Protein backbone atom coordinates (compact mmCIF):
# COMPACT_ATOMS: atom_id res chain seq x y z
CA MET A 1 1.24 19.90 0.14
CA GLU A 2 0.31 16.43 -1.08
CA PHE A 3 2.09 13.46 0.44
CA VAL A 4 2.44 9.98 -1.14
CA ASN A 5 3.13 6.56 0.32
CA CYS A 6 4.11 3.46 -1.66
CA VAL A 7 4.32 -0.06 -0.24
CA ARG A 8 5.87 -2.86 -2.28
CA VAL A 9 4.71 -6.45 -1.64
CA ARG A 10 5.09 -9.88 -3.23
CA VAL A 11 2.09 -12.22 -3.27
CA LYS A 12 2.44 -15.95 -2.67
CA GLU A 13 1.81 -18.38 -5.51
CA GLY A 14 -1.91 -19.22 -5.66
CA GLN A 15 -2.96 -16.19 -3.57
CA LEU A 16 -3.35 -13.52 -6.28
CA GLU A 17 -7.14 -13.68 -6.60
CA GLU A 18 -7.69 -13.62 -2.84
CA PHE A 19 -5.21 -10.75 -2.41
CA VAL A 20 -6.94 -8.59 -5.02
CA ALA A 21 -10.40 -9.49 -3.71
CA LEU A 22 -9.45 -8.50 -0.16
CA ASN A 23 -8.07 -5.19 -1.41
CA ARG A 24 -11.43 -4.37 -3.00
CA GLY A 25 -12.87 -4.11 0.51
CA PHE A 26 -10.38 -1.50 1.71
CA GLN A 27 -11.62 2.07 2.24
CA LYS A 28 -9.63 5.24 1.66
CA GLY A 29 -8.37 6.91 4.80
CA VAL A 30 -9.48 10.33 6.02
CA GLY A 31 -7.42 12.84 4.06
CA GLN A 32 -6.58 10.34 1.31
CA SER A 33 -7.52 11.61 -2.14
CA GLN A 34 -6.45 8.56 -4.15
CA SER A 35 -5.64 4.92 -3.50
CA TYR A 36 -4.13 2.56 -6.07
CA LEU A 37 -3.09 -1.07 -6.20
CA VAL A 38 -0.52 -1.37 -9.00
CA ARG A 39 0.57 -4.72 -10.37
CA THR A 40 4.30 -4.35 -11.01
CA GLY A 41 5.11 -7.97 -11.96
CA ASP A 42 3.74 -11.49 -11.98
CA HIS A 43 3.47 -11.61 -8.19
CA THR A 44 4.51 -8.10 -7.14
CA PHE A 45 2.28 -5.16 -6.33
CA CYS A 46 2.63 -1.68 -4.95
CA TRP A 47 0.02 0.13 -2.89
CA VAL A 48 0.07 3.87 -3.63
CA GLY A 49 -1.78 6.40 -1.53
CA VAL A 50 -2.08 10.12 -2.21
CA TRP A 51 -2.73 12.16 0.92
CA ASP A 52 -3.65 15.77 1.69
CA SER A 53 -0.73 15.99 4.12
CA GLU A 54 1.87 13.95 5.98
CA GLN A 55 -0.28 14.20 9.10
CA ALA A 56 -3.23 12.59 7.28
CA LEU A 57 -0.97 9.66 6.42
CA VAL A 58 0.27 9.40 10.01
CA ASP A 59 -3.30 9.51 11.31
CA ALA A 60 -4.29 6.62 9.00
CA ARG A 61 -1.42 4.36 10.05
CA ASP A 62 -3.60 2.11 12.24
CA GLN A 63 -6.12 1.67 9.41
CA MET A 64 -3.33 0.79 6.97
CA ILE A 65 -1.86 -1.75 9.40
CA GLY A 66 -5.34 -3.24 9.80
CA ASN A 67 -5.61 -3.58 6.02
CA LEU A 68 -2.19 -5.21 5.90
CA ASP A 69 -3.19 -7.64 8.63
CA GLN A 70 -6.13 -8.80 6.45
CA VAL A 71 -3.81 -9.76 3.57
CA ARG A 72 -0.61 -10.66 5.44
CA HIS A 73 -1.25 -14.40 4.95
CA CYS A 74 -1.14 -13.81 1.17
CA LEU A 75 2.30 -12.17 1.21
CA GLU A 76 5.84 -13.52 0.93
CA ASP A 77 8.73 -12.25 3.00
CA LEU A 78 10.78 -9.89 0.79
CA GLY A 79 14.05 -10.87 2.45
CA ASN A 80 16.91 -8.64 3.63
CA GLY A 81 15.11 -8.02 6.92
CA LEU A 82 12.17 -6.22 5.27
CA GLY A 83 9.43 -8.64 6.24
CA VAL A 84 6.39 -8.65 3.91
CA THR A 85 6.43 -4.92 3.03
CA ASP A 86 8.86 -2.34 1.67
CA PRO A 87 7.25 1.04 2.48
CA VAL A 88 8.42 4.51 1.44
CA SER A 89 6.71 7.91 1.61
CA GLY A 90 7.37 11.57 1.03
CA PRO A 91 6.02 14.91 -0.16
CA VAL A 92 5.12 15.36 -3.82
CA THR A 93 8.09 17.18 -5.33
CA LEU A 94 6.76 17.66 -8.86
CA SER A 95 3.33 17.23 -10.39
CA ILE A 96 2.96 17.32 -14.16
CA ASP A 97 -0.63 17.85 -15.24
């Protein structure tokens, strides 16, 4: 069963180009079929990963944290105790082809 993770972030003013450029260097994780960077607003983005399984996502956690560490200086704190990311994940419930 496919598993998806989404991570919402807000990029600091003046850091958009660097943030996107750094993301170009990221590699998909083992067991990751798709990886997207979605611009959801002027300074907001969402990383979306599609995984073969929940375990594949768990196994790639260190790689994802490493990617985050490369762009952390570009990100604003989201407030409400979230820090610079708002991550969610879960199994694909419905796929419409």
